[in-house]
Amino acid sequence: MSMRELDRFGVIQAVAERPLKPGRAAERLDMSVRKVERLVWRYRAVGVAGLVSASATREQSSIDWRCDTACAGVTRKFILTCLRAAASRS
């Protein structure tokens, strides 16, 4: 977790345990009250993992999309050829 996420955790935890109001937390974190409420809900539902940015946990692909598309096309043609060959044998 980054320092920003650790600070966010402390503030959201304080809101979840009720000593801090969502409005004050929103000011401190420079975000909307609604966003604070969503983070508190995720914190209560999932725990600390709910506060980590979703984009930080998403796996990044290192494959060029053109290569990926070409491979999918070749694979599709191969499967269709195999299915036609199996159907002609039957």
Protein backbone atom coordinates (compact mmCIF):
# COMPACT_ATOMS: atom_id res chain seq x y z
CA MET A 1 0.00 0.00 0.00
CA SER A 2 1.17 3.51 -0.76
CA MET A 3 1.29 6.24 1.89
CA ARG A 4 -1.80 7.79 0.33
CA GLU A 5 -3.69 4.51 0.66
CA LEU A 6 -2.52 4.13 4.27
CA ASP A 7 -3.84 7.60 5.09
CA ARG A 8 -7.08 6.79 3.31
CA PHE A 9 -7.33 3.57 5.36
CA GLY A 10 -6.98 5.46 8.65
CA VAL A 11 -9.62 8.01 7.70
CA ILE A 12 -12.08 5.43 6.34
CA GLN A 13 -11.57 3.25 9.41
CA ALA A 14 -12.37 6.25 11.62
CA VAL A 15 -15.58 6.87 9.66
CA ALA A 16 -16.52 3.18 9.88
CA GLU A 17 -16.01 3.20 13.66
CA ARG A 18 -17.99 6.47 13.88
CA PRO A 19 -15.61 8.99 15.54
CA LEU A 20 -15.27 10.85 12.21
CA LYS A 21 -18.14 12.06 10.04
CA PRO A 22 -18.12 11.38 6.27
CA GLY A 23 -18.17 15.11 5.47
CA ARG A 24 -14.97 15.76 7.44
CA ALA A 25 -13.35 12.68 5.90
CA ALA A 26 -14.28 13.94 2.42
CA GLU A 27 -12.58 17.26 3.12
CA ARG A 28 -9.46 15.57 4.46
CA LEU A 29 -9.20 13.13 1.54
CA ASP A 30 -10.25 15.73 -1.06
CA MET A 31 -13.10 13.63 -2.43
CA SER A 32 -16.90 13.68 -2.37
CA VAL A 33 -18.95 12.53 0.60
CA ARG A 34 -20.54 9.91 -1.66
CA LYS A 35 -17.11 8.48 -2.54
CA VAL A 36 -16.25 8.31 1.18
CA GLU A 37 -19.52 6.48 1.86
CA ARG A 38 -18.76 3.97 -0.91
CA LEU A 39 -15.27 3.37 0.50
CA VAL A 40 -16.69 2.85 3.99
CA TRP A 41 -19.21 0.36 2.58
CA ARG A 42 -16.42 -1.52 0.73
CA TYR A 43 -14.23 -1.44 3.85
CA ARG A 44 -17.02 -2.96 5.95
CA ALA A 45 -17.78 -5.58 3.27
CA VAL A 46 -14.27 -6.62 2.23
CA GLY A 47 -11.85 -5.08 4.70
CA VAL A 48 -8.62 -3.30 3.80
CA ALA A 49 -8.57 -4.94 0.36
CA GLY A 50 -11.65 -2.89 -0.55
CA LEU A 51 -9.63 0.31 -0.28
CA VAL A 52 -6.93 -0.67 -2.77
CA SER A 53 -7.45 0.84 -6.20
CA ALA A 54 -8.97 -1.65 -8.64
CA SER A 55 -6.62 -0.54 -11.39
CA ALA A 56 -3.65 -1.42 -9.16
CA THR A 57 -4.80 -5.03 -8.91
CA ARG A 58 -5.69 -5.47 -12.57
CA GLU A 59 -3.18 -7.53 -14.54
CA GLN A 60 -1.67 -5.61 -17.43
CA SER A 61 -1.26 -7.39 -20.73
CA SER A 62 2.10 -7.12 -22.43
CA ILE A 63 0.79 -8.60 -25.69
CA ASP A 64 0.11 -6.20 -28.55
CA TRP A 65 -3.61 -6.19 -29.38
CA ARG A 66 -2.85 -6.80 -33.08
CA CYS A 67 -0.92 -9.96 -32.25
CA ASP A 68 -3.68 -11.08 -29.89
CA THR A 69 -6.33 -10.54 -32.60
CA ALA A 70 -4.27 -12.38 -35.23
CA CYS A 71 -3.72 -15.35 -32.90
CA ALA A 72 -7.41 -15.52 -32.10
CA GLY A 73 -8.23 -15.56 -35.82
CA VAL A 74 -5.76 -18.36 -36.56
CA THR A 75 -7.03 -20.39 -33.60
CA ARG A 76 -10.64 -19.92 -34.71
CA LYS A 77 -9.81 -21.10 -38.27
CA PHE A 78 -7.94 -24.13 -36.92
CA ILE A 79 -10.85 -25.15 -34.67
CA LEU A 80 -13.36 -24.77 -37.51
CA THR A 81 -11.13 -26.86 -39.81
CA CYS A 82 -10.88 -29.60 -37.17
CA LEU A 83 -14.63 -29.59 -36.59
CA ARG A 84 -15.34 -29.84 -40.34
CA ALA A 85 -12.85 -32.69 -40.70
CA ALA A 86 -14.45 -34.54 -37.77
CA ALA A 87 -17.93 -34.00 -39.21
CA SER A 88 -16.89 -35.30 -42.65
CA ARG A 89 -15.53 -38.52 -41.08
CA SER A 90 -18.81 -39.26 -39.37
